Amino acid sequence: MELSEQPEGGDEQIRVTTVAGAVLSSFFDELARVDDFVEGADQLRKLVLVDGVFAEPAVRNTLFPDTQ
């Protein structure tokens, strides 16, 4: 398997979006529109899309922080 070449210009970052990432991002956008989940949606987006964590305990703690 060959690696693709870096584009010319070196300083530019290319953001690769997967289908799963796009679907999850849309889900978090819709979740943020629900009054009770505004803060939780932002935290969940970071947990899943940025940190890459899908473990149930971490997701549960993000959605329901008072139940720890």
PDB file of N, CA and C in Angstrom:
ATOM      1  N   MET A   1       0.842  -1.166   0.000  1.00  0.00           N
ATOM      2  CA  MET A   1       0.000   0.000   0.000  1.00  0.00           C
ATOM      3  C   MET A   1       0.892   1.235   0.000  1.00  0.00           C
ATOM      4  N   GLU A   2       0.681   2.106  -0.959  1.00  0.00           N
ATOM      5  CA  GLU A   2       1.495   3.300  -1.070  1.00  0.00           C
ATOM      6  C   GLU A   2       0.831   4.478  -0.374  1.00  0.00           C
ATOM      7  N   LEU A   3       1.647   5.313   0.238  1.00  0.00           N
ATOM      8  CA  LEU A   3       1.139   6.527   0.854  1.00  0.00           C
ATOM      9  C   LEU A   3       0.987   7.595  -0.211  1.00  0.00           C
ATOM     10  N   SER A   4      -0.044   8.386  -0.097  1.00  0.00           N
ATOM     11  CA  SER A   4      -0.227   9.464  -1.057  1.00  0.00           C
ATOM     12  C   SER A   4       0.775  10.566  -0.756  1.00  0.00           C
ATOM     13  N   GLU A   5       1.148  11.302  -1.794  1.00  0.00           N
ATOM     14  CA  GLU A   5       2.118  12.367  -1.630  1.00  0.00           C
ATOM     15  C   GLU A   5       1.497  13.564  -0.933  1.00  0.00           C
ATOM     16  N   GLN A   6       2.307  14.302  -0.207  1.00  0.00           N
ATOM     17  CA  GLN A   6       1.867  15.525   0.447  1.00  0.00           C
ATOM     18  C   GLN A   6       1.627  16.580  -0.626  1.00  0.00           C
ATOM     19  N   PRO A   7       0.561  17.348  -0.514  1.00  0.00           N
ATOM     20  CA  PRO A   7       0.330  18.408  -1.487  1.00  0.00           C
ATOM     21  C   PRO A   7       1.376  19.512  -1.363  1.00  0.00           C
ATOM     22  N   GLU A   8       1.617  20.187  -2.451  1.00  0.00           N
ATOM     23  CA  GLU A   8       2.559  21.308  -2.447  1.00  0.00           C
ATOM     24  C   GLU A   8       2.044  22.398  -1.521  1.00  0.00           C
ATOM     25  N   GLY A   9       2.899  23.133  -0.896  1.00  0.00           N
ATOM     26  CA  GLY A   9       2.487  24.231  -0.038  1.00  0.00           C
ATOM     27  C   GLY A   9       2.643  23.907   1.430  1.00  0.00           C
ATOM     28  N   GLY A  10       2.859  22.689   1.805  1.00  0.00           N
ATOM     29  CA  GLY A  10       3.166  22.207   3.127  1.00  0.00           C
ATOM     30  C   GLY A  10       2.424  22.781   4.320  1.00  0.00           C
ATOM     31  N   ASP A  11       2.068  24.063   4.323  1.00  0.00           N
ATOM     32  CA  ASP A  11       1.430  24.680   5.481  1.00  0.00           C
ATOM     33  C   ASP A  11      -0.067  24.378   5.552  1.00  0.00           C
ATOM     34  N   GLU A  12      -0.664  23.987   4.464  1.00  0.00           N
ATOM     35  CA  GLU A  12      -2.099  23.728   4.442  1.00  0.00           C
ATOM     36  C   GLU A  12      -2.393  22.361   5.040  1.00  0.00           C
ATOM     37  N   GLN A  13      -3.437  22.315   5.836  1.00  0.00           N
ATOM     38  CA  GLN A  13      -3.867  21.040   6.394  1.00  0.00           C
ATOM     39  C   GLN A  13      -5.093  20.581   5.623  1.00  0.00           C
ATOM     40  N   ILE A  14      -5.120  19.318   5.285  1.00  0.00           N
ATOM     41  CA  ILE A  14      -6.274  18.758   4.596  1.00  0.00           C
ATOM     42  C   ILE A  14      -7.073  17.971   5.607  1.00  0.00           C
ATOM     43  N   ARG A  15      -8.350  18.284   5.719  1.00  0.00           N
ATOM     44  CA  ARG A  15      -9.217  17.596   6.661  1.00  0.00           C
ATOM     45  C   ARG A  15      -9.947  16.493   5.898  1.00  0.00           C
ATOM     46  N   VAL A  16      -9.736  15.273   6.325  1.00  0.00           N
ATOM     47  CA  VAL A  16     -10.392  14.135   5.706  1.00  0.00           C
ATOM     48  C   VAL A  16     -11.623  13.800   6.527  1.00  0.00           C
ATOM     49  N   THR A  17     -12.761  13.785   5.881  1.00  0.00           N
ATOM     50  CA  THR A  17     -14.010  13.493   6.565  1.00  0.00           C
ATOM     51  C   THR A  17     -14.523  12.144   6.087  1.00  0.00           C
ATOM     52  N   THR A  18     -14.804  11.281   7.026  1.00  0.00           N
ATOM     53  CA  THR A  18     -15.373   9.990   6.681  1.00  0.00           C
ATOM     54  C   THR A  18     -16.892  10.098   6.690  1.00  0.00           C
ATOM     55  N   VAL A  19     -17.533   9.114   6.113  1.00  0.00           N
ATOM     56  CA  VAL A  19     -18.995   9.087   6.119  1.00  0.00           C
ATOM     57  C   VAL A  19     -19.497   9.006   7.557  1.00  0.00           C
ATOM     58  N   ALA A  20     -18.880   8.155   8.355  1.00  0.00           N
ATOM     59  CA  ALA A  20     -19.292   8.017   9.759  1.00  0.00           C
ATOM     60  C   ALA A  20     -19.115   9.327  10.505  1.00  0.00           C
ATOM     61  N   GLY A  21     -18.014  10.012  10.259  1.00  0.00           N
ATOM     62  CA  GLY A  21     -17.772  11.293  10.910  1.00  0.00           C
ATOM     63  C   GLY A  21     -18.803  12.340  10.514  1.00  0.00           C
ATOM     64  N   ALA A  22     -19.182  12.326   9.233  1.00  0.00           N
ATOM     65  CA  ALA A  22     -20.190  13.284   8.758  1.00  0.00           C
ATOM     66  C   ALA A  22     -21.555  12.989   9.366  1.00  0.00           C
ATOM     67  N   VAL A  23     -21.898  11.707   9.464  1.00  0.00           N
ATOM     68  CA  VAL A  23     -23.183  11.319  10.062  1.00  0.00           C
ATOM     69  C   VAL A  23     -23.207  11.687  11.542  1.00  0.00           C
ATOM     70  N   LEU A  24     -22.140  11.361  12.253  1.00  0.00           N
ATOM     71  CA  LEU A  24     -22.073  11.700  13.681  1.00  0.00           C
ATOM     72  C   LEU A  24     -22.094  13.210  13.900  1.00  0.00           C
ATOM     73  N   SER A  25     -21.412  13.945  13.054  1.00  0.00           N
ATOM     74  CA  SER A  25     -21.413  15.400  13.168  1.00  0.00           C
ATOM     75  C   SER A  25     -22.816  15.958  12.980  1.00  0.00           C
ATOM     76  N   SER A  26     -23.546  15.430  12.010  1.00  0.00           N
ATOM     77  CA  SER A  26     -24.941  15.856  11.791  1.00  0.00           C
ATOM     78  C   SER A  26     -25.805  15.503  12.995  1.00  0.00           C
ATOM     79  N   PHE A  27     -25.575  14.323  13.559  1.00  0.00           N
ATOM     80  CA  PHE A  27     -26.323  13.900  14.744  1.00  0.00           C
ATOM     81  C   PHE A  27     -26.077  14.851  15.909  1.00  0.00           C
ATOM     82  N   PHE A  28     -24.809  15.202  16.141  1.00  0.00           N
ATOM     83  CA  PHE A  28     -24.484  16.104  17.245  1.00  0.00           C
ATOM     84  C   PHE A  28     -25.057  17.498  17.006  1.00  0.00           C
ATOM     85  N   ASP A  29     -25.108  17.934  15.744  1.00  0.00           N
ATOM     86  CA  ASP A  29     -25.737  19.227  15.425  1.00  0.00           C
ATOM     87  C   ASP A  29     -27.213  19.215  15.810  1.00  0.00           C
ATOM     88  N   GLU A  30     -27.912  18.130  15.467  1.00  0.00           N
ATOM     89  CA  GLU A  30     -29.331  18.014  15.806  1.00  0.00           C
ATOM     90  C   GLU A  30     -29.526  17.884  17.314  1.00  0.00           C
ATOM     91  N   LEU A  31     -28.661  17.133  17.965  1.00  0.00           N
ATOM     92  CA  LEU A  31     -28.750  16.958  19.416  1.00  0.00           C
ATOM     93  C   LEU A  31     -28.555  18.290  20.135  1.00  0.00           C
ATOM     94  N   ALA A  32     -27.699  19.140  19.599  1.00  0.00           N
ATOM     95  CA  ALA A  32     -27.434  20.450  20.216  1.00  0.00           C
ATOM     96  C   ALA A  32     -28.652  21.369  20.145  1.00  0.00           C
ATOM     97  N   ARG A  33     -29.580  21.067  19.252  1.00  0.00           N
ATOM     98  CA  ARG A  33     -30.797  21.881  19.135  1.00  0.00           C
ATOM     99  C   ARG A  33     -31.843  21.534  20.187  1.00  0.00           C
ATOM    100  N   VAL A  34     -31.662  20.402  20.858  1.00  0.00           N
ATOM    101  CA  VAL A  34     -32.581  19.990  21.921  1.00  0.00           C
ATOM    102  C   VAL A  34     -32.162  20.718  23.199  1.00  0.00           C
ATOM    103  N   ASP A  35     -33.110  21.373  23.831  1.00  0.00           N
ATOM    104  CA  ASP A  35     -32.803  22.235  24.977  1.00  0.00           C
ATOM    105  C   ASP A  35     -31.955  21.569  26.053  1.00  0.00           C
ATOM    106  N   ASP A  36     -32.280  20.361  26.444  1.00  0.00           N
ATOM    107  CA  ASP A  36     -31.584  19.714  27.558  1.00  0.00           C
ATOM    108  C   ASP A  36     -30.223  19.128  27.179  1.00  0.00           C
ATOM    109  N   PHE A  37     -29.900  19.107  25.890  1.00  0.00           N
ATOM    110  CA  PHE A  37     -28.667  18.448  25.456  1.00  0.00           C
ATOM    111  C   PHE A  37     -27.652  19.379  24.808  1.00  0.00           C
ATOM    112  N   VAL A  38     -27.825  20.684  24.932  1.00  0.00           N
ATOM    113  CA  VAL A  38     -26.913  21.627  24.281  1.00  0.00           C
ATOM    114  C   VAL A  38     -25.482  21.412  24.765  1.00  0.00           C
ATOM    115  N   GLU A  39     -25.276  21.445  26.063  1.00  0.00           N
ATOM    116  CA  GLU A  39     -23.927  21.280  26.619  1.00  0.00           C
ATOM    117  C   GLU A  39     -23.414  19.853  26.403  1.00  0.00           C
ATOM    118  N   GLY A  40     -24.276  18.879  26.608  1.00  0.00           N
ATOM    119  CA  GLY A  40     -23.887  17.485  26.434  1.00  0.00           C
ATOM    120  C   GLY A  40     -23.504  17.160  25.005  1.00  0.00           C
ATOM    121  N   ALA A  41     -24.171  17.771  24.040  1.00  0.00           N
ATOM    122  CA  ALA A  41     -23.862  17.522  22.631  1.00  0.00           C
ATOM    123  C   ALA A  41     -22.459  18.002  22.291  1.00  0.00           C
ATOM    124  N   ASP A  42     -22.075  19.152  22.805  1.00  0.00           N
ATOM    125  CA  ASP A  42     -20.727  19.668  22.559  1.00  0.00           C
ATOM    126  C   ASP A  42     -19.664  18.761  23.180  1.00  0.00           C
ATOM    127  N   GLN A  43     -19.922  18.315  24.402  1.00  0.00           N
ATOM    128  CA  GLN A  43     -18.973  17.427  25.074  1.00  0.00           C
ATOM    129  C   GLN A  43     -18.900  16.071  24.382  1.00  0.00           C
ATOM    130  N   LEU A  44     -20.049  15.575  23.943  1.00  0.00           N
ATOM    131  CA  LEU A  44     -20.085  14.282  23.259  1.00  0.00           C
ATOM    132  C   LEU A  44     -19.390  14.364  21.904  1.00  0.00           C
ATOM    133  N   ARG A  45     -19.581  15.478  21.195  1.00  0.00           N
ATOM    134  CA  ARG A  45     -18.897  15.674  19.907  1.00  0.00           C
ATOM    135  C   ARG A  45     -17.380  15.610  20.108  1.00  0.00           C
ATOM    136  N   LYS A  46     -16.883  16.308  21.133  1.00  0.00           N
ATOM    137  CA  LYS A  46     -15.444  16.293  21.403  1.00  0.00           C
ATOM    138  C   LYS A  46     -14.970  14.891  21.749  1.00  0.00           C
ATOM    139  N   LEU A  47     -15.718  14.217  22.609  1.00  0.00           N
ATOM    140  CA  LEU A  47     -15.337  12.878  23.045  1.00  0.00           C
ATOM    141  C   LEU A  47     -15.235  11.917  21.867  1.00  0.00           C
ATOM    142  N   VAL A  48     -16.250  11.918  21.015  1.00  0.00           N
ATOM    143  CA  VAL A  48     -16.313  10.941  19.931  1.00  0.00           C
ATOM    144  C   VAL A  48     -15.496  11.370  18.715  1.00  0.00           C
ATOM    145  N   LEU A  49     -15.716  12.583  18.226  1.00  0.00           N
ATOM    146  CA  LEU A  49     -15.079  12.989  16.980  1.00  0.00           C
ATOM    147  C   LEU A  49     -13.635  13.465  17.151  1.00  0.00           C
ATOM    148  N   VAL A  50     -13.333  14.147  18.238  1.00  0.00           N
ATOM    149  CA  VAL A  50     -11.976  14.667  18.424  1.00  0.00           C
ATOM    150  C   VAL A  50     -11.091  13.642  19.130  1.00  0.00           C
ATOM    151  N   ASP A  51     -11.572  13.120  20.272  1.00  0.00           N
ATOM    152  CA  ASP A  51     -10.770  12.183  21.058  1.00  0.00           C
ATOM    153  C   ASP A  51     -10.856  10.753  20.534  1.00  0.00           C
ATOM    154  N   GLY A  52     -11.903  10.434  19.768  1.00  0.00           N
ATOM    155  CA  GLY A  52     -12.048   9.092  19.210  1.00  0.00           C
ATOM    156  C   GLY A  52     -12.464   8.032  20.217  1.00  0.00           C
ATOM    157  N   VAL A  53     -13.156   8.433  21.269  1.00  0.00           N
ATOM    158  CA  VAL A  53     -13.557   7.499  22.323  1.00  0.00           C
ATOM    159  C   VAL A  53     -15.000   7.061  22.075  1.00  0.00           C
ATOM    160  N   PHE A  54     -15.204   5.738  22.009  1.00  0.00           N
ATOM    161  CA  PHE A  54     -16.540   5.191  21.811  1.00  0.00           C
ATOM    162  C   PHE A  54     -16.962   4.275  22.956  1.00  0.00           C
ATOM    163  N   ALA A  55     -16.164   4.217  24.002  1.00  0.00           N
ATOM    164  CA  ALA A  55     -16.445   3.318  25.128  1.00  0.00           C
ATOM    165  C   ALA A  55     -17.716   3.759  25.845  1.00  0.00           C
ATOM    166  N   GLU A  56     -18.565   2.783  26.166  1.00  0.00           N
ATOM    167  CA  GLU A  56     -19.854   3.084  26.795  1.00  0.00           C
ATOM    168  C   GLU A  56     -19.727   3.880  28.094  1.00  0.00           C
ATOM    169  N   PRO A  57     -18.821   3.528  29.010  1.00  0.00           N
ATOM    170  CA  PRO A  57     -18.740   4.303  30.256  1.00  0.00           C
ATOM    171  C   PRO A  57     -18.407   5.779  30.015  1.00  0.00           C
ATOM    172  N   ALA A  58     -17.528   6.062  29.096  1.00  0.00           N
ATOM    173  CA  ALA A  58     -17.166   7.447  28.816  1.00  0.00           C
ATOM    174  C   ALA A  58     -18.335   8.213  28.202  1.00  0.00           C
ATOM    175  N   VAL A  59     -19.046   7.585  27.282  1.00  0.00           N
ATOM    176  CA  VAL A  59     -20.212   8.219  26.656  1.00  0.00           C
ATOM    177  C   VAL A  59     -21.303   8.434  27.693  1.00  0.00           C
ATOM    178  N   ARG A  60     -21.543   7.426  28.528  1.00  0.00           N
ATOM    179  CA  ARG A  60     -22.563   7.536  29.582  1.00  0.00           C
ATOM    180  C   ARG A  60     -22.229   8.671  30.552  1.00  0.00           C
ATOM    181  N   ASN A  61     -20.959   8.779  30.963  1.00  0.00           N
ATOM    182  CA  ASN A  61     -20.549   9.847  31.877  1.00  0.00           C
ATOM    183  C   ASN A  61     -20.697  11.223  31.246  1.00  0.00           C
ATOM    184  N   THR A  62     -20.504  11.299  29.949  1.00  0.00           N
ATOM    185  CA  THR A  62     -20.668  12.577  29.251  1.00  0.00           C
ATOM    186  C   THR A  62     -22.136  12.969  29.177  1.00  0.00           C
ATOM    187  N   LEU A  63     -22.998  12.008  28.878  1.00  0.00           N
ATOM    188  CA  LEU A  63     -24.434  12.295  28.762  1.00  0.00           C
ATOM    189  C   LEU A  63     -25.108  12.497  30.114  1.00  0.00           C
ATOM    190  N   PHE A  64     -24.681  11.730  31.104  1.00  0.00           N
ATOM    191  CA  PHE A  64     -25.324  11.756  32.424  1.00  0.00           C
ATOM    192  C   PHE A  64     -24.272  11.963  33.520  1.00  0.00           C
ATOM    193  N   PRO A  65     -23.695  13.165  33.630  1.00  0.00           N
ATOM    194  CA  PRO A  65     -22.599  13.378  34.585  1.00  0.00           C
ATOM    195  C   PRO A  65     -23.033  13.249  36.049  1.00  0.00           C
ATOM    196  N   ASP A  66     -24.311  13.415  36.344  1.00  0.00           N
ATOM    197  CA  ASP A  66     -24.779  13.351  37.725  1.00  0.00           C
ATOM    198  C   ASP A  66     -24.885  11.936  38.268  1.00  0.00           C
ATOM    199  N   THR A  67     -24.775  10.923  37.410  1.00  0.00           N
ATOM    200  CA  THR A  67     -24.951   9.538  37.847  1.00  0.00           C
ATOM    201  C   THR A  67     -23.638   8.851  38.188  1.00  0.00           C
ATOM    202  N   GLN A  68     -22.555   9.595  38.250  1.00  0.00           N
ATOM    203  CA  GLN A  68     -21.248   8.975  38.539  1.00  0.00           C
ATOM    204  C   GLN A  68     -21.165   8.553  39.972  1.00  0.00           C
TER     205      GLN A  68
END
